[in-house]
Each structure stands twice: as structure tokens, then as C-alpha cells.
C-alpha atoms as a PDB file:
ATOM      1  CA  MET A   1     202.268  84.362  43.575  1.00  0.00           C
ATOM      2  CA  LEU A   2     200.434  88.071  42.419  1.00  0.00           C
ATOM      3  CA  ARG A   3     196.828  88.259  43.716  1.00  0.00           C
ATOM      4  CA  VAL A   4     194.966  91.854  43.188  1.00  0.00           C
ATOM      5  CA  GLU A   5     191.407  91.580  44.417  1.00  0.00           C
ATOM      6  CA  GLY A   6     189.191  94.540  44.393  1.00  0.00           C
ATOM      7  CA  LEU A   7     191.688  97.388  42.930  1.00  0.00           C
ATOM      8  CA  ARG A   8     190.414 100.597  42.800  1.00  0.00           C
ATOM      9  CA  VAL A   9     191.913 104.069  42.078  1.00  0.00           C
ATOM     10  CA  VAL A  10     190.206 107.033  42.174  1.00  0.00           C
ATOM     11  CA  LEU A  11     191.994 110.235  40.096  1.00  0.00           C
ATOM     12  CA  GLY A  12     189.913 113.122  40.660  1.00  0.00           C
ATOM     13  CA  GLU A  13     186.193 111.929  40.145  1.00  0.00           C
ATOM     14  CA  VAL A  14     187.567 109.340  37.737  1.00  0.00           C
ATOM     15  CA  PHE A  15     187.715 105.748  38.300  1.00  0.00           C
ATOM     16  CA  VAL A  16     190.914 104.756  36.639  1.00  0.00           C
ATOM     17  CA  LEU A  17     190.563 101.069  38.269  1.00  0.00           C
ATOM     18  CA  ASP A  18     186.751  99.937  39.198  1.00  0.00           C
ATOM     19  CA  GLY A  19     186.601  96.427  41.392  1.00  0.00           C
ATOM     20  CA  LEU A  20     189.652  95.228  39.564  1.00  0.00           C
ATOM     21  CA  ASP A  21     190.964  91.206  39.786  1.00  0.00           C
ATOM     22  CA  LEU A  22     193.638  89.749  38.569  1.00  0.00           C
ATOM     23  CA  GLU A  23     196.177  86.984  39.254  1.00  0.00           C
ATOM     24  CA  GLY A  24     199.912  86.648  38.177  1.00  0.00           C
ATOM     25  CA  VAL A  25     200.777  82.761  37.906  1.00  0.00           C
ATOM     26  CA  GLU A  26     204.653  81.695  38.309  1.00  0.00           C
ATOM     27  CA  GLY A  27     206.678  81.023  35.117  1.00  0.00           C
ATOM     28  CA  GLU A  28     203.769  83.185  32.616  1.00  0.00           C
ATOM     29  CA  VAL A  29     203.753  85.963  30.705  1.00  0.00           C
ATOM     30  CA  LEU A  30     200.816  87.206  31.437  1.00  0.00           C
ATOM     31  CA  VAL A  31     199.498  90.362  28.705  1.00  0.00           C
ATOM     32  CA  LEU A  32     197.271  93.428  29.838  1.00  0.00           C
ATOM     33  CA  LEU A  33     195.895  94.334  26.328  1.00  0.00           C
ATOM     34  CA  GLY A  34     193.772  97.333  25.527  1.00  0.00           C
ATOM     35  CA  PRO A  35     193.192 100.719  23.882  1.00  0.00           C
ATOM     36  CA  SER A  36     195.375 104.115  25.643  1.00  0.00           C
ATOM     37  CA  GLY A  37     193.383 105.093  28.886  1.00  0.00           C
ATOM     38  CA  CYS A  38     191.925 102.164  29.398  1.00  0.00           C
ATOM     39  CA  GLY A  39     194.402 101.674  32.829  1.00  0.00           C
ATOM     40  CA  LYS A  40     196.864  99.394  31.784  1.00  0.00           C
ATOM     41  CA  SER A  41     200.045 101.610  32.980  1.00  0.00           C
ATOM     42  CA  THR A  42     197.927 103.037  36.090  1.00  0.00           C
ATOM     43  CA  LEU A  43     197.398  99.277  37.247  1.00  0.00           C
ATOM     44  CA  LEU A  44     201.375  98.417  36.658  1.00  0.00           C
ATOM     45  CA  ARG A  45     202.186 101.713  38.674  1.00  0.00           C
ATOM     46  CA  THR A  46     199.624 100.333  41.798  1.00  0.00           C
ATOM     47  CA  ILE A  47     200.673  96.800  41.884  1.00  0.00           C
ATOM     48  CA  VAL A  48     204.158  97.925  42.192  1.00  0.00           C
ATOM     49  CA  GLY A  49     203.713 100.731  44.321  1.00  0.00           C
ATOM     50  CA  LEU A  50     203.915 103.705  43.243  1.00  0.00           C
ATOM     51  CA  GLU A  51     200.198 104.928  42.489  1.00  0.00           C
ATOM     52  CA  ARG A  52     198.183 104.881  45.929  1.00  0.00           C
ATOM     53  CA  ALA A  53     195.200 102.056  45.814  1.00  0.00           C
ATOM     54  CA  SER A  54     191.317 103.752  46.673  1.00  0.00           C
ATOM     55  CA  GLY A  55     190.411 100.507  47.955  1.00  0.00           C
ATOM     56  CA  GLY A  56     190.912  96.692  47.370  1.00  0.00           C
ATOM     57  CA  HIS A  57     194.093  94.560  47.780  1.00  0.00           C
ATOM     58  CA  VAL A  58     197.506  93.913  46.303  1.00  0.00           C
ATOM     59  CA  ALA A  59     199.010  90.231  47.722  1.00  0.00           C
ATOM     60  CA  TRP A  60     202.044  88.078  46.684  1.00  0.00           C
ATOM     61  CA  SER A  61     200.813  84.354  47.779  1.00  0.00           C
ATOM     62  CA  GLU A  62     199.776  85.372  51.994  1.00  0.00           C
ATOM     63  CA  GLU A  63     201.714  88.453  51.664  1.00  0.00           C
ATOM     64  CA  ASP A  64     199.103  91.503  51.553  1.00  0.00           C
ATOM     65  CA  LEU A  65     201.462  94.469  49.650  1.00  0.00           C
ATOM     66  CA  THR A  66     198.557  97.212  49.574  1.00  0.00           C
ATOM     67  CA  SER A  67     200.540  99.301  51.922  1.00  0.00           C
ATOM     68  CA  ALA A  68     203.781  98.785  51.467  1.00  0.00           C
ATOM     69  CA  PRO A  69     206.545 100.921  49.922  1.00  0.00           C
ATOM     70  CA  PRO A  70     207.941  99.858  46.352  1.00  0.00           C
ATOM     71  CA  HIS A  71     211.042  98.874  47.374  1.00  0.00           C
ATOM     72  CA  GLU A  72     209.983  96.271  49.754  1.00  0.00           C
ATOM     73  CA  ARG A  73     207.578  95.210  47.464  1.00  0.00           C
ATOM     74  CA  ASP A  74     210.279  93.204  45.335  1.00  0.00           C
ATOM     75  CA  PHE A  75     208.516  93.879  41.657  1.00  0.00           C
ATOM     76  CA  GLY A  76     210.148  95.022  39.049  1.00  0.00           C
ATOM     77  CA  LEU A  77     209.134  97.563  36.520  1.00  0.00           C
ATOM     78  CA  VAL A  78     210.497  98.709  32.956  1.00  0.00           C
ATOM     79  CA  PHE A  79     209.165 102.178  31.562  1.00  0.00           C
ATOM     80  CA  GLN A  80     208.093 103.059  27.810  1.00  0.00           C
ATOM     81  CA  ASP A  81     210.525 105.664  27.764  1.00  0.00           C
ATOM     82  CA  HIS A  82     213.241 103.293  30.111  1.00  0.00           C
ATOM     83  CA  ALA A  83     213.776 106.309  31.971  1.00  0.00           C
ATOM     84  CA  LEU A  84     217.719 105.596  31.868  1.00  0.00           C
ATOM     85  CA  PHE A  85     220.121 107.869  33.626  1.00  0.00           C
ATOM     86  CA  PRO A  86     222.035 109.915  30.908  1.00  0.00           C
ATOM     87  CA  HIS A  87     224.640 111.222  32.914  1.00  0.00           C
ATOM     88  CA  MET A  88     225.663 107.002  33.716  1.00  0.00           C
ATOM     89  CA  ASP A  89     227.417 104.861  31.505  1.00  0.00           C
ATOM     90  CA  VAL A  90     225.325 101.152  31.126  1.00  0.00           C
ATOM     91  CA  ALA A  91     227.059  99.493  33.785  1.00  0.00           C
ATOM     92  CA  SER A  92     226.039 102.219  36.080  1.00  0.00           C
ATOM     93  CA  ASN A  93     222.566 102.538  35.178  1.00  0.00           C
ATOM     94  CA  VAL A  94     222.351  98.515  35.432  1.00  0.00           C
ATOM     95  CA  ALA A  95     223.718  98.542  38.873  1.00  0.00           C
ATOM     96  CA  PHE A  96     221.910 101.145  39.989  1.00  0.00           C
ATOM     97  CA  GLY A  97     219.497  99.369  41.757  1.00  0.00           C
ATOM     98  CA  LEU A  98     221.993  97.128  43.150  1.00  0.00           C
ATOM     99  CA  LEU A  99     224.378 100.058  44.726  1.00  0.00           C
ATOM    100  CA  VAL A 100     220.559 101.192  46.702  1.00  0.00           C
ATOM    101  CA  ALA A 101     219.858  97.961  48.238  1.00  0.00           C
ATOM    102  CA  GLY A 102     223.950  98.287  49.611  1.00  0.00           C
ATOM    103  CA  LEU A 103     225.261  94.680  47.850  1.00  0.00           C
ATOM    104  CA  PRO A 104     229.143  95.311  47.753  1.00  0.00           C
ATOM    105  CA  VAL A 105     231.010  96.484  44.552  1.00  0.00           C
ATOM    106  CA  GLU A 106     232.443  92.851  43.714  1.00  0.00           C
ATOM    107  CA  GLY A 107     228.666  91.581  43.630  1.00  0.00           C
ATOM    108  CA  ARG A 108     227.519  94.191  42.028  1.00  0.00           C
ATOM    109  CA  GLU A 109     230.173  93.983  38.948  1.00  0.00           C
ATOM    110  CA  ALA A 110     229.379  90.629  38.856  1.00  0.00           C
ATOM    111  CA  ARG A 111     225.521  90.694  38.433  1.00  0.00           C
ATOM    112  CA  VAL A 112     225.676  93.491  36.032  1.00  0.00           C
ATOM    113  CA  ALA A 113     228.067  91.308  33.730  1.00  0.00           C
ATOM    114  CA  GLU A 114     225.439  88.579  34.267  1.00  0.00           C
ATOM    115  CA  VAL A 115     222.314  90.281  33.096  1.00  0.00           C
ATOM    116  CA  LEU A 116     223.675  92.203  30.350  1.00  0.00           C
ATOM    117  CA  ASP A 117     224.779  89.172  28.603  1.00  0.00           C
ATOM    118  CA  LEU A 118     221.222  87.617  29.576  1.00  0.00           C
ATOM    119  CA  VAL A 119     220.134  90.458  27.027  1.00  0.00           C
ATOM    120  CA  GLY A 120     222.647  90.168  24.659  1.00  0.00           C
ATOM    121  CA  LEU A 121     225.063  93.173  25.646  1.00  0.00           C
ATOM    122  CA  ASP A 122     227.871  91.606  26.674  1.00  0.00           C
ATOM    123  CA  GLY A 123     230.609  94.296  26.680  1.00  0.00           C
ATOM    124  CA  PHE A 124     228.180  96.993  26.792  1.00  0.00           C
ATOM    125  CA  GLY A 125     229.157  97.792  30.154  1.00  0.00           C
ATOM    126  CA  GLU A 126     231.413 101.177  29.650  1.00  0.00           C
ATOM    127  CA  ARG A 127     229.275 103.028  26.572  1.00  0.00           C
ATOM    128  CA  ARG A 128     227.305 105.901  27.199  1.00  0.00           C
ATOM    129  CA  VAL A 129     223.865 106.145  27.347  1.00  0.00           C
ATOM    130  CA  ASP A 130     223.176 108.494  24.110  1.00  0.00           C
ATOM    131  CA  THR A 131     224.822 106.424  21.968  1.00  0.00           C
ATOM    132  CA  LEU A 132     222.381 103.319  22.642  1.00  0.00           C
ATOM    133  CA  SER A 133     220.325 102.362  20.110  1.00  0.00           C
ATOM    134  CA  GLY A 134     216.349 102.773  20.674  1.00  0.00           C
ATOM    135  CA  GLY A 135     216.505  98.406  20.980  1.00  0.00           C
ATOM    136  CA  GLU A 136     219.507  98.666  22.854  1.00  0.00           C
ATOM    137  CA  ALA A 137     217.979 101.120  25.487  1.00  0.00           C
ATOM    138  CA  GLN A 138     215.351  98.895  26.084  1.00  0.00           C
ATOM    139  CA  ARG A 139     217.569  96.403  26.550  1.00  0.00           C
ATOM    140  CA  VAL A 140     219.186  98.574  29.021  1.00  0.00           C
ATOM    141  CA  ALA A 141     216.130  99.400  31.076  1.00  0.00           C
ATOM    142  CA  LEU A 142     215.218  95.681  30.989  1.00  0.00           C
ATOM    143  CA  ALA A 143     218.486  94.507  32.771  1.00  0.00           C
ATOM    144  CA  ARG A 144     218.131  97.083  35.017  1.00  0.00           C
ATOM    145  CA  SER A 145     215.322  96.247  36.280  1.00  0.00           C
ATOM    146  CA  LEU A 146     215.941  92.493  36.254  1.00  0.00           C
ATOM    147  CA  ALA A 147     219.663  93.073  37.826  1.00  0.00           C
ATOM    148  CA  PRO A 148     217.748  93.037  41.685  1.00  0.00           C
ATOM    149  CA  GLY A 149     216.118  89.761  40.983  1.00  0.00           C
ATOM    150  CA  PRO A 150     212.528  90.619  41.357  1.00  0.00           C
ATOM    151  CA  ARG A 151     209.770  87.552  42.094  1.00  0.00           C
ATOM    152  CA  LEU A 152     207.679  89.858  39.838  1.00  0.00           C
ATOM    153  CA  LEU A 153     208.674  91.702  36.299  1.00  0.00           C
ATOM    154  CA  MET A 154     206.637  94.122  34.983  1.00  0.00           C
ATOM    155  CA  LEU A 155     207.107  96.074  31.487  1.00  0.00           C
ATOM    156  CA  ASP A 156     205.144  99.178  30.442  1.00  0.00           C
ATOM    157  CA  GLU A 157     204.446  99.311  26.872  1.00  0.00           C
ATOM    158  CA  PRO A 158     208.770  98.717  26.169  1.00  0.00           C
ATOM    159  CA  LEU A 159     208.467  98.825  22.607  1.00  0.00           C
ATOM    160  CA  GLY A 160     205.780 101.192  22.220  1.00  0.00           C
ATOM    161  CA  SER A 161     208.371 103.747  20.783  1.00  0.00           C
ATOM    162  CA  LEU A 162     210.890 101.825  18.460  1.00  0.00           C
ATOM    163  CA  ASP A 163     209.537 101.473  14.606  1.00  0.00           C
ATOM    164  CA  ARG A 164     207.454  98.296  13.760  1.00  0.00           C
ATOM    165  CA  ALA A 165     210.588  96.374  12.322  1.00  0.00           C
ATOM    166  CA  LEU A 166     212.625  96.638  15.001  1.00  0.00           C
ATOM    167  CA  ARG A 167     209.809  95.889  17.260  1.00  0.00           C
ATOM    168  CA  ASP A 168     209.068  92.954  15.216  1.00  0.00           C
ATOM    169  CA  ARG A 169     212.288  91.627  16.152  1.00  0.00           C
ATOM    170  CA  LEU A 170     212.923  92.463  19.873  1.00  0.00           C
ATOM    171  CA  VAL A 171     208.847  91.228  20.250  1.00  0.00           C
ATOM    172  CA  ALA A 172     210.898  87.486  19.713  1.00  0.00           C
ATOM    173  CA  ASP A 173     213.673  87.939  21.546  1.00  0.00           C
ATOM    174  CA  LEU A 174     211.836  89.262  24.490  1.00  0.00           C
ATOM    175  CA  GLY A 175     209.720  86.288  24.327  1.00  0.00           C
ATOM    176  CA  VAL A 176     212.266  84.062  24.502  1.00  0.00           C
ATOM    177  CA  LEU A 177     214.306  85.717  27.280  1.00  0.00           C
ATOM    178  CA  LEU A 178     211.084  86.676  29.617  1.00  0.00           C
ATOM    179  CA  ARG A 179     210.397  82.496  29.620  1.00  0.00           C
ATOM    180  CA  GLY A 180     213.777  81.881  30.223  1.00  0.00           C
ATOM    181  CA  LEU A 181     213.654  83.657  33.190  1.00  0.00           C
ATOM    182  CA  GLY A 182     210.785  81.057  34.698  1.00  0.00           C
ATOM    183  CA  GLN A 183     209.447  83.831  36.618  1.00  0.00           C
ATOM    184  CA  ALA A 184     205.905  85.987  36.848  1.00  0.00           C
ATOM    185  CA  SER A 185     205.722  88.676  34.518  1.00  0.00           C
ATOM    186  CA  ILE A 186     203.268  91.172  33.453  1.00  0.00           C
ATOM    187  CA  TYR A 187     203.104  93.223  29.798  1.00  0.00           C
ATOM    188  CA  VAL A 188     201.442  95.951  28.792  1.00  0.00           C
ATOM    189  CA  THR A 189     200.366  96.708  25.110  1.00  0.00           C
ATOM    190  CA  HIS A 190     198.075  98.085  23.123  1.00  0.00           C
ATOM    191  CA  ASP A 191     198.909  96.127  19.805  1.00  0.00           C
ATOM    192  CA  HIS A 192     197.425  92.633  19.872  1.00  0.00           C
ATOM    193  CA  ASP A 193     199.464  91.122  17.631  1.00  0.00           C
ATOM    194  CA  GLU A 194     202.533  92.003  19.865  1.00  0.00           C
ATOM    195  CA  ALA A 195     200.213  90.000  22.635  1.00  0.00           C
ATOM    196  CA  PHE A 196     199.349  87.086  20.689  1.00  0.00           C
ATOM    197  CA  ALA A 197     203.447  86.789  19.917  1.00  0.00           C
ATOM    198  CA  LEU A 198     204.268  87.473  23.620  1.00  0.00           C
ATOM    199  CA  ALA A 199     201.386  85.896  25.940  1.00  0.00           C
ATOM    200  CA  ASP A 200     200.908  82.902  28.074  1.00  0.00           C
ATOM    201  CA  ARG A 201     197.337  84.348  28.844  1.00  0.00           C
ATOM    202  CA  ILE A 202     195.991  87.238  27.462  1.00  0.00           C
ATOM    203  CA  ALA A 203     193.721  89.664  29.844  1.00  0.00           C
ATOM    204  CA  VAL A 204     191.926  92.421  27.979  1.00  0.00           C
ATOM    205  CA  MET A 205     191.001  95.797  29.697  1.00  0.00           C
ATOM    206  CA  GLY A 206     188.410  98.479  29.769  1.00  0.00           C
ATOM    207  CA  GLU A 207     186.295 100.585  31.867  1.00  0.00           C
ATOM    208  CA  GLY A 208     188.830 100.063  34.525  1.00  0.00           C
ATOM    209  CA  ARG A 209     188.374  96.231  34.744  1.00  0.00           C
ATOM    210  CA  ILE A 210     189.568  92.987  33.591  1.00  0.00           C
ATOM    211  CA  GLN A 211     187.135  92.182  30.533  1.00  0.00           C
ATOM    212  CA  ARG A 212     188.143  89.154  29.129  1.00  0.00           C
ATOM    213  CA  ILE A 213     191.026  86.780  30.349  1.00  0.00           C
ATOM    214  CA  GLY A 214     192.203  83.571  29.209  1.00  0.00           C
ATOM    215  CA  THR A 215     194.936  82.056  26.736  1.00  0.00           C
ATOM    216  CA  VAL A 216     195.155  83.111  23.364  1.00  0.00           C
ATOM    217  CA  ALA A 217     193.454  80.144  21.540  1.00  0.00           C
ATOM    218  CA  GLU A 218     190.344  80.446  24.149  1.00  0.00           C
ATOM    219  CA  VAL A 219     190.392  84.534  24.123  1.00  0.00           C
ATOM    220  CA  TRP A 220     190.535  84.968  20.116  1.00  0.00           C
ATOM    221  CA  SER A 221     188.181  82.311  20.016  1.00  0.00           C
ATOM    222  CA  ASP A 222     185.705  83.502  22.453  1.00  0.00           C
ATOM    223  CA  PRO A 223     185.974  86.811  22.931  1.00  0.00           C
ATOM    224  CA  VAL A 224     182.719  87.708  24.730  1.00  0.00           C
ATOM    225  CA  SER A 225     182.000  90.783  23.931  1.00  0.00           C
ATOM    226  CA  THR A 226     182.091  93.569  20.885  1.00  0.00           C
ATOM    227  CA  TYR A 227     184.613  95.486  22.820  1.00  0.00           C
ATOM    228  CA  VAL A 228     186.894  92.143  23.666  1.00  0.00           C
ATOM    229  CA  ALA A 229     186.954  91.770  19.285  1.00  0.00           C
ATOM    230  CA  ARG A 230     187.666  94.648  18.480  1.00  0.00           C
ATOM    231  CA  CYS A 231     190.289  94.923  21.333  1.00  0.00           C
ATOM    232  CA  LEU A 232     191.754  91.159  19.189  1.00  0.00           C
ATOM    233  CA  GLY A 233     191.864  92.900  15.908  1.00  0.00           C
ATOM    234  CA  HIS A 234     188.533  90.668  14.801  1.00  0.00           C
ATOM    235  CA  GLU A 235     187.283  92.070  12.108  1.00  0.00           C
ATOM    236  CA  ASN A 236     184.484  90.185  10.717  1.00  0.00           C
ATOM    237  CA  LEU A 237     181.489  92.129  13.129  1.00  0.00           C
ATOM    238  CA  ILE A 238     178.219  91.621  12.062  1.00  0.00           C
ATOM    239  CA  GLU A 239     174.740  93.435  13.223  1.00  0.00           C
ATOM    240  CA  LEU A 240     171.493  90.671  12.388  1.00  0.00           C
ATOM    241  CA  ASP A 241     168.263  92.842  11.795  1.00  0.00           C
ATOM    242  CA  ARG A 242     165.025  91.752  14.268  1.00  0.00           C
ATOM    243  CA  SER A 243     164.903  88.230  12.403  1.00  0.00           C
ATOM    244  CA  GLY A 244     168.540  87.076  13.096  1.00  0.00           C
ATOM    245  CA  GLY A 245     169.237  88.031   9.125  1.00  0.00           C
ATOM    246  CA  CYS A 246     172.120  89.976   7.095  1.00  0.00           C
ATOM    247  CA  ALA A 247     172.811  90.166   3.521  1.00  0.00           C
ATOM    248  CA  LEU A 248     174.700  86.596   4.309  1.00  0.00           C
ATOM    249  CA  GLY A 249     171.539  85.198   5.242  1.00  0.00           C
ATOM    250  CA  ARG A 250     169.888  84.150   8.589  1.00  0.00           C
ATOM    251  CA  LEU A 251     172.624  84.023  11.378  1.00  0.00           C
ATOM    252  CA  GLY A 252     171.120  83.987  14.360  1.00  0.00           C
ATOM    253  CA  ASP A 253     167.628  83.948  16.377  1.00  0.00           C
ATOM    254  CA  GLY A 254     167.361  87.507  16.776  1.00  0.00           C
ATOM    255  CA  PRO A 255     168.853  90.965  16.660  1.00  0.00           C
ATOM    256  CA  GLY A 256     172.520  91.620  17.737  1.00  0.00           C
ATOM    257  CA  THR A 257     175.773  91.576  16.868  1.00  0.00           C
ATOM    258  CA  VAL A 258     177.521  88.583  15.832  1.00  0.00           C
ATOM    259  CA  LEU A 259     181.549  87.553  14.816  1.00  0.00           C
ATOM    260  CA  LEU A 260     182.125  85.960  11.893  1.00  0.00           C
ATOM    261  CA  ARG A 261     184.138  83.021  12.613  1.00  0.00           C
ATOM    262  CA  PRO A 262     187.687  83.273  10.889  1.00  0.00           C
ATOM    263  CA  GLY A 263     187.753  80.371   7.931  1.00  0.00           C
ATOM    264  CA  LYS A 264     183.747  80.099   7.124  1.00  0.00           C
ATOM    265  CA  LEU A 265     183.453  82.481   4.812  1.00  0.00           C
ATOM    266  CA  VAL A 266     185.358  81.993   1.857  1.00  0.00           C
ATOM    267  CA  LEU A 267     185.357  82.332  -2.745  1.00  0.00           C
ATOM    268  CA  SER A 268     183.514  79.664  -3.878  1.00  0.00           C
ATOM    269  CA  HIS A 269     184.924  78.504  -7.461  1.00  0.00           C
ATOM    270  CA  GLY A 270     181.237  77.199  -8.563  1.00  0.00           C
ATOM    271  CA  LEU A 271     178.052  78.715  -9.750  1.00  0.00           C
ATOM    272  CA  ASP A 272     176.344  78.830  -6.355  1.00  0.00           C
ATOM    273  CA  GLY A 273     177.065  80.664  -3.639  1.00  0.00           C
ATOM    274  CA  ILE A 274     176.609  84.131  -2.096  1.00  0.00           C
ATOM    275  CA  GLU A 275     176.927  86.819  -4.959  1.00  0.00           C
ATOM    276  CA  ALA A 276     179.241  89.603  -3.579  1.00  0.00           C
ATOM    277  CA  THR A 277     181.975  92.139  -5.311  1.00  0.00           C
ATOM    278  CA  VAL A 278     185.318  92.862  -4.576  1.00  0.00           C
ATOM    279  CA  VAL A 279     185.941  96.387  -3.360  1.00  0.00           C
ATOM    280  CA  GLY A 280     189.414  96.156  -1.775  1.00  0.00           C
ATOM    281  CA  SER A 281     192.598  94.349  -1.889  1.00  0.00           C
ATOM    282  CA  SER A 282     195.305  94.186   0.357  1.00  0.00           C
ATOM    283  CA  PHE A 283     198.583  91.895   1.063  1.00  0.00           C
ATOM    284  CA  ARG A 284     199.654  91.883   4.757  1.00  0.00           C
ATOM    285  CA  GLY A 285     201.143  88.526   6.835  1.00  0.00           C
ATOM    286  CA  GLY A 286     201.879  86.173   3.358  1.00  0.00           C
ATOM    287  CA  ARG A 287     198.133  86.579   1.949  1.00  0.00           C
ATOM    288  CA  PHE A 288     196.413  88.344   0.426  1.00  0.00           C
ATOM    289  CA  HIS A 289     192.992  89.548   1.570  1.00  0.00           C
ATOM    290  CA  LEU A 290     189.875  90.869   0.507  1.00  0.00           C
ATOM    291  CA  ARG A 291     187.364  93.642   1.531  1.00  0.00           C
ATOM    292  CA  ILE A 292     183.858  92.268  -0.067  1.00  0.00           C
ATOM    293  CA  ALA A 293     180.413  94.223  -0.414  1.00  0.00           C
ATOM    294  CA  VAL A 294     177.471  92.092   0.043  1.00  0.00           C
ATOM    295  CA  GLY A 295     174.670  93.590  -0.338  1.00  0.00           C
ATOM    296  CA  ASP A 296     174.903  96.544   2.272  1.00  0.00           C
ATOM    297  CA  MET A 297     177.665  95.629   4.581  1.00  0.00           C
ATOM    298  CA  GLU A 298     181.447  94.553   3.890  1.00  0.00           C
ATOM    299  CA  ILE A 299     183.594  91.803   5.239  1.00  0.00           C
ATOM    300  CA  LEU A 300     187.390  90.948   4.861  1.00  0.00           C
ATOM    301  CA  ILE A 301     188.364  87.314   3.896  1.00  0.00           C
ATOM    302  CA  PRO A 302     191.943  85.821   2.782  1.00  0.00           C
ATOM    303  CA  ALA A 303     192.291  84.934  -0.750  1.00  0.00           C
ATOM    304  CA  PRO A 304     195.004  82.670  -2.120  1.00  0.00           C
ATOM    305  CA  GLU A 305     195.555  85.100  -4.630  1.00  0.00           C
ATOM    306  CA  ALA A 306     194.921  88.710  -5.673  1.00  0.00           C
ATOM    307  CA  VAL A 307     191.306  89.234  -6.989  1.00  0.00           C
ATOM    308  CA  PRO A 308     190.796  92.982  -8.985  1.00  0.00           C
ATOM    309  CA  VAL A 309     189.248  95.167  -7.432  1.00  0.00           C
ATOM    310  CA  GLY A 310     185.448  95.448  -9.021  1.00  0.00           C
ATOM    311  CA  SER A 311     185.030  91.772  -9.912  1.00  0.00           C
ATOM    312  CA  GLY A 312     182.363  89.931  -8.961  1.00  0.00           C
ATOM    313  CA  VAL A 313     182.692  86.360  -6.968  1.00  0.00           C
ATOM    314  CA  ARG A 314     180.384  83.962  -4.749  1.00  0.00           C
ATOM    315  CA  LEU A 315     180.547  83.202  -1.250  1.00  0.00           C
ATOM    316  CA  THR A 316     180.546  79.722   0.282  1.00  0.00           C
ATOM    317  CA  ILE A 317     179.286  79.819   4.097  1.00  0.00           C
ATOM    318  CA  GLY A 318     180.307  77.102   6.545  1.00  0.00           C
ATOM    319  CA  SER A 319     178.341  75.391   9.364  1.00  0.00           C
ATOM    320  CA  ASP A 320     177.979  77.224  12.904  1.00  0.00           C
ATOM    321  CA  PRO A 321     179.738  80.125  11.260  1.00  0.00           C
ATOM    322  CA  VAL A 322     179.375  83.050  13.902  1.00  0.00           C
ATOM    323  CA  ILE A 323     179.899  84.027  17.556  1.00  0.00           C
ATOM    324  CA  PRO A 324     176.976  85.929  19.463  1.00  0.00           C
ATOM    325  CA  LEU A 325     178.496  88.264  21.348  1.00  0.00           C
ATOM    326  CA  VAL A 326     177.876  91.159  24.191  1.00  0.00           C
ATOM    327  CA  THR A 327     177.320  94.430  22.768  1.00  0.00           C
END
């Protein structure tokens, strides 16, 4: 099991990682989620040994690896740009780590065939790297990291350079593959939809630390802070006035920010309810989403059908509709 305790990385005068704690569990896909520049890639590079820690510890079970060189850690890392060797064919790229480790040629060939089959590239061994599609190159990079049999596999935005349609297809395949491996995996992304599709647990990073960690359901239903809520894609964050009120009514005991729980504000089909106006409409994820103006605030709610922009509507708000957040 991976244990990261009080990890600090200082570059110049900037604390990129600032006392970060994290644990990775065998057989689990842990997703690190956060915006660019929050320290996700630096964390992976420090865990694998490519970046020197300024403080804290990296360990596997009881084995302290903080000062160990990368080749002694037995961790695999897949980069966003794949980092394939263009002068080698697919098989030679996948076999590189095995060659460095001194595995005999027969063993190398058998292992290369095994991992290429695992990632869905059976028969690709003699292909030139420059003839591969983006998705195929990503699978070769994954196969190369898997070939030595690392005890921890880390993936740094491996789908980030691919177009959205291809990324969506590969996310599903990658989720099946990672869980089928039965080993600890850490996956980095800034895309919350990608995180939801892959994660057993999500760790939201910010200011060089883990701001929130838990299962997808735990983190989504109780993000704790406005920062985490925005990273997860929540849109209906509401500022309350001194009395705890807003255009929807009194929703708290005082000033602050609250998150409107999904499904707690719906269109009313009667004459009762809160008066509002439709100011925008979109269709995504198989349903309509309406942007509604209520007084001086706007909120987003799902709808069963399209409603013309400019239409007056009424809204019904359910019980216990909001989650208080720390700003």
C-alpha cells in the first residue's frame, strides 16, 4: 500500500506540495482531480522518484522510498505525451523496461505479447510508432508501463491530448482494464466527468494539499468547500445574505455560501411556487438543462423538455435543499 505523509516540494520559493498526505489501496483506482497547476503531476513525479521531496515521506507499506531512485521503487508512470521512442517499433517500446531489467529475450517477447493483448493491441508489435493513432499510442504507453509488472501504476492525464469523442470511448475501456489488473492505480485528470467514470475514490487537490477525499458519492454529495464543489462541476452555488436569505427564500441561518442539492429545485406545474424566467437552454447528457433567473441570481436545473427562452415558469423547492460550504 502506498503511503505519502507530510510531502513537501518547494520549487524556488513556491510550495508546490505543502504537507500532503495520501494513501493508495491495493486494487483501487484513485483519481487525483484538480485544475492545471495545483500540483497533481508534481505529486506523481515525486512518488515515482523523478522529483526530489523537500520534506515528508513516500513509502510502500513499511518500506521508506523517499530517497530511493526511481528504478528501485517498482512504480510505473504513463505520461500525457506518451513519451514513446519514435525510432523503435511498438514491441521494442513495450520491451524497453524489460531490456533495462535484464530479462532474457524469450521472456521479453512473451511478456510484450501478453501486455499488448491486455491493452487490445494484439498483432501491433511490428508497427512503427509514427503510424499509430492517438488512442493506439496511448495504449502502447500503457503497455510499456505495465510490462515490468509495477506494484503501483500512475497515469498523468493520459487522455488529455485526445479529442473528446475518443477520450470518452477510451475512458470506459481504461476503467475496465485498471480494475481488471487488481493493483493500486493513481490517475490524474482535470476533467470531473473523467474522474467520475474511473474512480473508486476521488482526491481533490488544491494549494498543494488534498482538499477532499472519498468515494465518488461521498465527495459529490458533500464537497465541504466551494473550491471542491466547483472542481466537481457543481454549478448552483448560492450566496446568502446576513439573514441567510436569497431570491429563493431563507435557506440558512446567516451569511455564507451554500450548494443547492441536485433535484431539490424543480419546475412546478401548478400556480404555486417561486416565479422565475428561463434565460438559457441547452441539451447535454441526454436531457435539457435550463438556466433560470430568480431575482438577481441564476441557477441551472434539469427539465424533461425544452422551454423557450424568455418563458415565465414557477419553481418548487424541496425540504433540506442546501449544503453549507466553507469558502
